[in-house]
PDB file of N, CA and C in Angstrom:
ATOM      1  N   GLY A   1       5.283 -28.561  -7.044  1.00  0.00           N
ATOM      2  CA  GLY A   1       5.505 -28.333  -5.618  1.00  0.00           C
ATOM      3  C   GLY A   1       5.860 -26.881  -5.337  1.00  0.00           C
ATOM      4  N   ARG A   2       6.501 -26.248  -6.298  1.00  0.00           N
ATOM      5  CA  ARG A   2       6.942 -24.871  -6.088  1.00  0.00           C
ATOM      6  C   ARG A   2       5.748 -23.923  -5.955  1.00  0.00           C
ATOM      7  N   SER A   3       4.729 -24.132  -6.787  1.00  0.00           N
ATOM      8  CA  SER A   3       3.577 -23.235  -6.761  1.00  0.00           C
ATOM      9  C   SER A   3       2.836 -23.342  -5.418  1.00  0.00           C
ATOM     10  N   LEU A   4       2.796 -24.551  -4.848  1.00  0.00           N
ATOM     11  CA  LEU A   4       2.129 -24.746  -3.565  1.00  0.00           C
ATOM     12  C   LEU A   4       2.856 -23.961  -2.471  1.00  0.00           C
ATOM     13  N   HIS A   5       4.187 -24.078  -2.472  1.00  0.00           N
ATOM     14  CA  HIS A   5       4.974 -23.341  -1.491  1.00  0.00           C
ATOM     15  C   HIS A   5       4.763 -21.837  -1.657  1.00  0.00           C
ATOM     16  N   TYR A   6       4.683 -21.409  -2.906  1.00  0.00           N
ATOM     17  CA  TYR A   6       4.488 -19.992  -3.183  1.00  0.00           C
ATOM     18  C   TYR A   6       3.142 -19.515  -2.662  1.00  0.00           C
ATOM     19  N   ARG A   7       2.120 -20.357  -2.851  1.00  0.00           N
ATOM     20  CA  ARG A   7       0.783 -19.991  -2.353  1.00  0.00           C
ATOM     21  C   ARG A   7       0.769 -19.918  -0.831  1.00  0.00           C
ATOM     22  N   LEU A   8       1.415 -20.888  -0.194  1.00  0.00           N
ATOM     23  CA  LEU A   8       1.477 -20.883   1.271  1.00  0.00           C
ATOM     24  C   LEU A   8       2.207 -19.643   1.755  1.00  0.00           C
ATOM     25  N   TYR A   9       3.280 -19.291   1.068  1.00  0.00           N
ATOM     26  CA  TYR A   9       4.051 -18.108   1.439  1.00  0.00           C
ATOM     27  C   TYR A   9       3.199 -16.853   1.320  1.00  0.00           C
ATOM     28  N   LEU A  10       2.438 -16.763   0.223  1.00  0.00           N
ATOM     29  CA  LEU A  10       1.558 -15.606   0.033  1.00  0.00           C
ATOM     30  C   LEU A  10       0.503 -15.555   1.126  1.00  0.00           C
ATOM     31  N   LEU A  11      -0.043 -16.720   1.472  1.00  0.00           N
ATOM     32  CA  LEU A  11      -1.086 -16.792   2.494  1.00  0.00           C
ATOM     33  C   LEU A  11      -0.547 -16.298   3.831  1.00  0.00           C
ATOM     34  N   PHE A  12       0.641 -16.784   4.217  1.00  0.00           N
ATOM     35  CA  PHE A  12       1.230 -16.359   5.482  1.00  0.00           C
ATOM     36  C   PHE A  12       1.571 -14.875   5.439  1.00  0.00           C
ATOM     37  N   ASP A  13       2.016 -14.399   4.274  1.00  0.00           N
ATOM     38  CA  ASP A  13       2.347 -12.992   4.119  1.00  0.00           C
ATOM     39  C   ASP A  13       1.103 -12.137   4.325  1.00  0.00           C
ATOM     40  N   LEU A  14      -0.024 -12.550   3.734  1.00  0.00           N
ATOM     41  CA  LEU A  14      -1.274 -11.811   3.893  1.00  0.00           C
ATOM     42  C   LEU A  14      -1.737 -11.839   5.349  1.00  0.00           C
ATOM     43  N   ALA A  15      -1.619 -12.989   5.990  1.00  0.00           N
ATOM     44  CA  ALA A  15      -2.030 -13.106   7.391  1.00  0.00           C
ATOM     45  C   ALA A  15      -1.174 -12.197   8.259  1.00  0.00           C
ATOM     46  N   TYR A  16       0.126 -12.167   7.987  1.00  0.00           N
ATOM     47  CA  TYR A  16       1.032 -11.323   8.755  1.00  0.00           C
ATOM     48  C   TYR A  16       0.690  -9.848   8.558  1.00  0.00           C
ATOM     49  N   LEU A  17       0.433  -9.466   7.306  1.00  0.00           N
ATOM     50  CA  LEU A  17       0.092  -8.077   7.015  1.00  0.00           C
ATOM     51  C   LEU A  17      -1.210  -7.673   7.695  1.00  0.00           C
ATOM     52  N   SER A  18      -2.206  -8.545   7.653  1.00  0.00           N
ATOM     53  CA  SER A  18      -3.494  -8.224   8.282  1.00  0.00           C
ATOM     54  C   SER A  18      -3.322  -8.125   9.801  1.00  0.00           C
ATOM     55  N   LEU A  19      -2.443  -8.983  10.355  1.00  0.00           N
ATOM     56  CA  LEU A  19      -2.191  -8.944  11.796  1.00  0.00           C
ATOM     57  C   LEU A  19      -1.535  -7.617  12.171  1.00  0.00           C
ATOM     58  N   VAL A  20      -0.542  -7.210  11.382  1.00  0.00           N
ATOM     59  CA  VAL A  20       0.150  -5.941  11.638  1.00  0.00           C
ATOM     60  C   VAL A  20      -0.823  -4.773  11.504  1.00  0.00           C
ATOM     61  N   ASP A  21      -1.693  -4.837  10.476  1.00  0.00           N
ATOM     62  CA  ASP A  21      -2.693  -3.783  10.291  1.00  0.00           C
ATOM     63  C   ASP A  21      -3.626  -3.717  11.499  1.00  0.00           C
ATOM     64  N   GLY A  22      -4.043  -4.878  11.987  1.00  0.00           N
ATOM     65  CA  GLY A  22      -4.937  -4.926  13.135  1.00  0.00           C
ATOM     66  C   GLY A  22      -4.274  -4.332  14.373  1.00  0.00           C
ATOM     67  N   LEU A  23      -2.990  -4.683  14.593  1.00  0.00           N
ATOM     68  CA  LEU A  23      -2.270  -4.139  15.747  1.00  0.00           C
ATOM     69  C   LEU A  23      -2.117  -2.633  15.620  1.00  0.00           C
ATOM     70  N   ALA A  24      -1.821  -2.162  14.414  1.00  0.00           N
ATOM     71  CA  ALA A  24      -1.659  -0.724  14.195  1.00  0.00           C
ATOM     72  C   ALA A  24      -2.973   0.006  14.466  1.00  0.00           C
ATOM     73  N   LEU A  25      -4.085  -0.575  13.993  1.00  0.00           N
ATOM     74  CA  LEU A  25      -5.400   0.028  14.238  1.00  0.00           C
ATOM     75  C   LEU A  25      -5.707   0.063  15.730  1.00  0.00           C
ATOM     76  N   LEU A  26      -5.400  -1.036  16.406  1.00  0.00           N
ATOM     77  CA  LEU A  26      -5.656  -1.111  17.842  1.00  0.00           C
ATOM     78  C   LEU A  26      -4.844  -0.051  18.580  1.00  0.00           C
ATOM     79  N   LEU A  27      -3.558   0.053  18.232  1.00  0.00           N
ATOM     80  CA  LEU A  27      -2.705   1.056  18.871  1.00  0.00           C
ATOM     81  C   LEU A  27      -3.215   2.459  18.594  1.00  0.00           C
ATOM     82  N   ALA A  28      -3.652   2.698  17.363  1.00  0.00           N
ATOM     83  CA  ALA A  28      -4.162   4.021  17.001  1.00  0.00           C
ATOM     84  C   ALA A  28      -5.415   4.338  17.817  1.00  0.00           C
ATOM     85  N   ARG A  29      -6.294   3.351  17.983  1.00  0.00           N
ATOM     86  CA  ARG A  29      -7.516   3.568  18.755  1.00  0.00           C
ATOM     87  C   ARG A  29      -7.189   3.859  20.212  1.00  0.00           C
ATOM     88  N   VAL A  30      -6.255   3.090  20.776  1.00  0.00           N
ATOM     89  CA  VAL A  30      -5.863   3.300  22.176  1.00  0.00           C
ATOM     90  C   VAL A  30      -5.256   4.687  22.345  1.00  0.00           C
ATOM     91  N   ALA A  31      -4.368   5.070  21.416  1.00  0.00           N
ATOM     92  CA  ALA A  31      -3.736   6.387  21.493  1.00  0.00           C
ATOM     93  C   ALA A  31      -4.788   7.491  21.380  1.00  0.00           C
ATOM     94  N   LEU A  32      -5.729   7.316  20.465  1.00  0.00           N
ATOM     95  CA  LEU A  32      -6.792   8.308  20.280  1.00  0.00           C
ATOM     96  C   LEU A  32      -7.648   8.408  21.547  1.00  0.00           C
ATOM     97  N   GLY A  33      -7.978   7.251  22.119  1.00  0.00           N
ATOM     98  CA  GLY A  33      -8.775   7.233  23.341  1.00  0.00           C
ATOM     99  C   GLY A  33      -8.054   7.947  24.476  1.00  0.00           C
ATOM    100  N   LEU A  34      -6.741   7.702  24.604  1.00  0.00           N
ATOM    101  CA  LEU A  34      -5.965   8.371  25.653  1.00  0.00           C
ATOM    102  C   LEU A  34      -5.930   9.871  25.423  1.00  0.00           C
ATOM    103  N   LEU A  35      -5.742  10.262  24.175  1.00  0.00           N
ATOM    104  CA  LEU A  35      -5.706  11.693  23.852  1.00  0.00           C
ATOM    105  C   LEU A  35      -7.033  12.365  24.185  1.00  0.00           C
ATOM    106  N   LEU A  36      -8.129  11.723  23.786  1.00  0.00           N
ATOM    107  CA  LEU A  36      -9.452  12.290  24.072  1.00  0.00           C
ATOM    108  C   LEU A  36      -9.690  12.338  25.580  1.00  0.00           C
ATOM    109  N   GLY A  37      -9.241  11.315  26.293  1.00  0.00           N
ATOM    110  CA  GLY A  37      -9.394  11.290  27.735  1.00  0.00           C
ATOM    111  C   GLY A  37      -8.625  12.435  28.382  1.00  0.00           C
ATOM    112  N   LEU A  38      -7.418  12.688  27.880  1.00  0.00           N
ATOM    113  CA  LEU A  38      -6.611  13.779  28.423  1.00  0.00           C
ATOM    114  C   LEU A  38      -7.246  15.122  28.113  1.00  0.00           C
ATOM    115  N   LEU A  39      -7.803  15.239  26.900  1.00  0.00           N
ATOM    116  CA  LEU A  39      -8.426  16.508  26.521  1.00  0.00           C
ATOM    117  C   LEU A  39      -9.681  16.770  27.329  1.00  0.00           C
ATOM    118  N   ASP A  40     -10.398  15.706  27.716  1.00  0.00           N
ATOM    119  CA  ASP A  40     -11.635  15.865  28.487  1.00  0.00           C
ATOM    120  C   ASP A  40     -11.348  16.378  29.893  1.00  0.00           C
ATOM    121  N   CYS A  41     -10.185  16.000  30.448  1.00  0.00           N
ATOM    122  CA  CYS A  41      -9.854  16.377  31.831  1.00  0.00           C
ATOM    123  C   CYS A  41      -9.545  17.860  32.022  1.00  0.00           C
TER     124      CYS A  41
END
């Protein structure tokens, strides 16, 4: 039973990390877009 819990924990950990990475990428893209928009003006 312990190994199953460990696998589930790893799975949730990976999902959380990928979610955080996705949010960071999204924020970086938005920030870059705003910067480019400001530079264009």
